[in-house]
Amino acid sequence: NIKTTVEIKAKSGEGGRLFGSITNKQIAEALKKEHGFKIDRRKIELDEPIKSLGHVNVPVKLYPDVQGTVKVHVTEQ
């Protein structure tokens, strides 16, 4: 099980709710920028966009039998 952390900054309002949301495309871009991993956004199995600050574990299907986890840390911009 491979585990990597990425940090994504976003604007938020009251109670840590984001203005907008974090998508699998943004996670893929952060993986490439922060770690040099080129992962197809369709392999990032995000059930629904992230809509609040904090940590979220997101499964990534690397190969048919290999799955990793990306820890997404959403912080205030």
N, C-alpha and C. Protein backbone atom coordinates (compact mmCIF):
# COMPACT_ATOMS: atom_id res chain seq x y z
N ASN A 1 0.85 -1.19 0.00
CA ASN A 1 0.00 0.00 0.00
C ASN A 1 0.89 1.25 0.00
N ILE A 2 0.77 2.04 -1.02
CA ILE A 2 1.58 3.24 -1.18
C ILE A 2 0.80 4.42 -0.63
N LYS A 3 1.47 5.27 0.17
CA LYS A 3 0.79 6.42 0.75
C LYS A 3 1.61 7.68 0.53
N THR A 4 0.99 8.71 -0.02
CA THR A 4 1.62 9.98 -0.31
C THR A 4 0.68 11.08 0.15
N THR A 5 1.25 12.20 0.58
CA THR A 5 0.45 13.34 1.00
C THR A 5 0.65 14.50 0.04
N VAL A 6 -0.45 15.16 -0.32
CA VAL A 6 -0.38 16.39 -1.11
C VAL A 6 -1.16 17.47 -0.36
N GLU A 7 -0.72 18.71 -0.54
CA GLU A 7 -1.41 19.83 0.09
C GLU A 7 -2.02 20.69 -1.01
N ILE A 8 -3.30 20.99 -0.83
CA ILE A 8 -4.01 21.84 -1.78
C ILE A 8 -4.60 23.00 -1.01
N LYS A 9 -4.33 24.21 -1.47
CA LYS A 9 -4.86 25.41 -0.82
C LYS A 9 -6.15 25.83 -1.51
N ALA A 10 -7.13 26.22 -0.71
CA ALA A 10 -8.42 26.64 -1.25
C ALA A 10 -9.03 27.72 -0.37
N LYS A 11 -9.88 28.52 -0.97
CA LYS A 11 -10.58 29.55 -0.20
C LYS A 11 -11.77 28.91 0.49
N SER A 12 -11.98 29.30 1.75
CA SER A 12 -13.09 28.72 2.48
C SER A 12 -13.84 29.80 3.24
N GLY A 13 -15.04 29.46 3.63
CA GLY A 13 -15.88 30.37 4.39
C GLY A 13 -16.05 29.85 5.80
N GLU A 14 -17.17 30.20 6.37
CA GLU A 14 -17.48 29.83 7.75
C GLU A 14 -17.52 28.32 7.93
N GLY A 15 -16.94 27.84 9.01
CA GLY A 15 -16.96 26.42 9.32
C GLY A 15 -16.06 25.57 8.45
N GLY A 16 -15.14 26.19 7.71
CA GLY A 16 -14.22 25.42 6.89
C GLY A 16 -14.80 24.91 5.58
N ARG A 17 -16.00 25.37 5.22
CA ARG A 17 -16.60 24.96 3.94
C ARG A 17 -15.91 25.70 2.81
N LEU A 18 -15.56 24.98 1.75
CA LEU A 18 -14.86 25.59 0.62
C LEU A 18 -15.81 26.35 -0.29
N PHE A 19 -15.27 27.42 -0.90
CA PHE A 19 -15.97 28.08 -1.99
C PHE A 19 -15.58 27.26 -3.22
N GLY A 20 -16.47 26.42 -3.70
CA GLY A 20 -16.12 25.48 -4.76
C GLY A 20 -15.75 24.16 -4.13
N SER A 21 -14.93 23.36 -4.82
CA SER A 21 -14.54 22.06 -4.30
C SER A 21 -13.22 21.61 -4.93
N ILE A 22 -12.63 20.57 -4.33
CA ILE A 22 -11.39 19.97 -4.83
C ILE A 22 -11.77 18.74 -5.64
N THR A 23 -11.27 18.65 -6.87
CA THR A 23 -11.63 17.54 -7.76
C THR A 23 -10.43 16.61 -7.96
N ASN A 24 -10.69 15.47 -8.59
CA ASN A 24 -9.61 14.52 -8.87
C ASN A 24 -8.57 15.13 -9.82
N LYS A 25 -8.98 16.06 -10.68
CA LYS A 25 -8.03 16.73 -11.58
C LYS A 25 -7.04 17.57 -10.77
N GLN A 26 -7.52 18.28 -9.76
CA GLN A 26 -6.64 19.09 -8.93
C GLN A 26 -5.68 18.21 -8.11
N ILE A 27 -6.16 17.05 -7.67
CA ILE A 27 -5.31 16.12 -6.93
C ILE A 27 -4.21 15.59 -7.85
N ALA A 28 -4.57 15.24 -9.10
CA ALA A 28 -3.58 14.76 -10.08
C ALA A 28 -2.52 15.83 -10.34
N GLU A 29 -2.95 17.09 -10.48
CA GLU A 29 -2.01 18.19 -10.71
C GLU A 29 -1.08 18.38 -9.51
N ALA A 30 -1.62 18.26 -8.29
CA ALA A 30 -0.80 18.40 -7.08
C ALA A 30 0.21 17.26 -6.97
N LEU A 31 -0.19 16.04 -7.33
CA LEU A 31 0.74 14.91 -7.30
C LEU A 31 1.90 15.13 -8.26
N LYS A 32 1.61 15.67 -9.43
CA LYS A 32 2.66 15.92 -10.42
C LYS A 32 3.58 17.04 -9.94
N LYS A 33 3.00 18.13 -9.44
CA LYS A 33 3.77 19.29 -9.01
C LYS A 33 4.63 19.00 -7.78
N GLU A 34 4.03 18.35 -6.76
CA GLU A 34 4.73 18.14 -5.49
C GLU A 34 5.65 16.93 -5.48
N HIS A 35 5.29 15.87 -6.24
CA HIS A 35 6.05 14.62 -6.15
C HIS A 35 6.56 14.10 -7.49
N GLY A 36 6.16 14.74 -8.60
CA GLY A 36 6.59 14.28 -9.91
C GLY A 36 5.87 13.04 -10.40
N PHE A 37 4.74 12.68 -9.74
CA PHE A 37 3.96 11.50 -10.16
C PHE A 37 2.95 11.93 -11.21
N LYS A 38 3.00 11.28 -12.37
CA LYS A 38 2.02 11.56 -13.40
C LYS A 38 0.94 10.48 -13.33
N ILE A 39 -0.19 10.83 -12.73
CA ILE A 39 -1.30 9.90 -12.54
C ILE A 39 -2.51 10.42 -13.30
N ASP A 40 -3.12 9.58 -14.09
CA ASP A 40 -4.33 9.96 -14.81
C ASP A 40 -5.43 10.27 -13.79
N ARG A 41 -6.11 11.38 -13.97
CA ARG A 41 -7.13 11.79 -13.01
C ARG A 41 -8.24 10.75 -12.87
N ARG A 42 -8.47 9.95 -13.92
CA ARG A 42 -9.51 8.91 -13.85
C ARG A 42 -9.12 7.77 -12.92
N LYS A 43 -7.82 7.65 -12.58
CA LYS A 43 -7.36 6.60 -11.67
C LYS A 43 -7.54 7.02 -10.20
N ILE A 44 -7.82 8.31 -9.99
CA ILE A 44 -8.03 8.82 -8.63
C ILE A 44 -9.50 8.62 -8.30
N GLU A 45 -9.77 7.72 -7.36
CA GLU A 45 -11.14 7.29 -7.08
C GLU A 45 -11.79 8.14 -5.99
N LEU A 46 -12.08 9.37 -6.35
CA LEU A 46 -12.72 10.32 -5.45
C LEU A 46 -14.23 10.17 -5.64
N ASP A 47 -14.92 9.70 -4.59
CA ASP A 47 -16.37 9.47 -4.71
C ASP A 47 -17.13 10.75 -5.04
N GLU A 48 -16.77 11.83 -4.36
CA GLU A 48 -17.37 13.13 -4.64
C GLU A 48 -16.34 14.20 -4.35
N PRO A 49 -16.45 15.37 -4.97
CA PRO A 49 -15.47 16.43 -4.73
C PRO A 49 -15.36 16.78 -3.25
N ILE A 50 -14.15 17.17 -2.83
CA ILE A 50 -13.91 17.55 -1.44
C ILE A 50 -14.41 18.97 -1.25
N LYS A 51 -15.22 19.19 -0.21
CA LYS A 51 -15.85 20.50 -0.03
C LYS A 51 -15.53 21.16 1.29
N SER A 52 -14.52 20.65 2.03
CA SER A 52 -14.17 21.28 3.31
C SER A 52 -12.68 21.15 3.57
N LEU A 53 -12.18 21.99 4.49
CA LEU A 53 -10.78 21.95 4.88
C LEU A 53 -10.52 20.66 5.66
N GLY A 54 -9.26 20.23 5.70
CA GLY A 54 -8.89 19.06 6.50
C GLY A 54 -8.18 18.01 5.67
N HIS A 55 -8.12 16.79 6.23
CA HIS A 55 -7.45 15.66 5.59
C HIS A 55 -8.48 14.68 5.05
N VAL A 56 -8.21 14.18 3.86
CA VAL A 56 -9.07 13.15 3.25
C VAL A 56 -8.16 12.11 2.61
N ASN A 57 -8.40 10.83 2.88
CA ASN A 57 -7.67 9.75 2.23
C ASN A 57 -8.41 9.36 0.95
N VAL A 58 -7.69 9.41 -0.17
CA VAL A 58 -8.31 9.14 -1.47
C VAL A 58 -7.60 7.96 -2.13
N PRO A 59 -8.35 6.90 -2.48
CA PRO A 59 -7.75 5.75 -3.15
C PRO A 59 -7.33 6.09 -4.59
N VAL A 60 -6.20 5.51 -5.01
CA VAL A 60 -5.69 5.69 -6.37
C VAL A 60 -5.40 4.31 -6.93
N LYS A 61 -5.99 4.01 -8.07
CA LYS A 61 -5.75 2.72 -8.72
C LYS A 61 -4.54 2.87 -9.63
N LEU A 62 -3.40 2.34 -9.21
CA LEU A 62 -2.16 2.48 -9.97
C LEU A 62 -2.07 1.47 -11.11
N TYR A 63 -2.39 0.22 -10.82
CA TYR A 63 -2.41 -0.87 -11.79
C TYR A 63 -3.60 -1.74 -11.43
N PRO A 64 -3.96 -2.72 -12.27
CA PRO A 64 -5.14 -3.55 -11.95
C PRO A 64 -5.14 -4.12 -10.53
N ASP A 65 -4.00 -4.58 -10.03
CA ASP A 65 -3.96 -5.19 -8.70
C ASP A 65 -3.23 -4.33 -7.67
N VAL A 66 -2.90 -3.10 -8.02
CA VAL A 66 -2.14 -2.24 -7.11
C VAL A 66 -2.91 -0.96 -6.85
N GLN A 67 -3.23 -0.75 -5.56
CA GLN A 67 -3.94 0.47 -5.19
C GLN A 67 -3.13 1.21 -4.14
N GLY A 68 -3.07 2.51 -4.26
CA GLY A 68 -2.39 3.34 -3.28
C GLY A 68 -3.39 4.28 -2.65
N THR A 69 -2.90 5.10 -1.73
CA THR A 69 -3.74 6.09 -1.08
C THR A 69 -3.03 7.43 -1.11
N VAL A 70 -3.75 8.46 -1.48
CA VAL A 70 -3.22 9.81 -1.43
C VAL A 70 -3.93 10.51 -0.27
N LYS A 71 -3.13 11.04 0.64
CA LYS A 71 -3.70 11.83 1.73
C LYS A 71 -3.74 13.27 1.25
N VAL A 72 -4.92 13.80 1.07
CA VAL A 72 -5.11 15.16 0.58
C VAL A 72 -5.35 16.07 1.78
N HIS A 73 -4.47 17.04 1.95
CA HIS A 73 -4.59 18.01 3.05
C HIS A 73 -5.04 19.32 2.43
N VAL A 74 -6.30 19.69 2.69
CA VAL A 74 -6.84 20.93 2.15
C VAL A 74 -6.67 22.02 3.21
N THR A 75 -5.95 23.08 2.86
CA THR A 75 -5.68 24.18 3.79
C THR A 75 -6.23 25.49 3.25
N GLU A 76 -6.37 26.45 4.14
CA GLU A 76 -6.86 27.79 3.80
C GLU A 76 -5.88 28.51 2.90
N GLN A 77 -6.39 29.12 1.85
CA GLN A 77 -5.53 29.87 0.91
C GLN A 77 -5.25 31.25 1.43
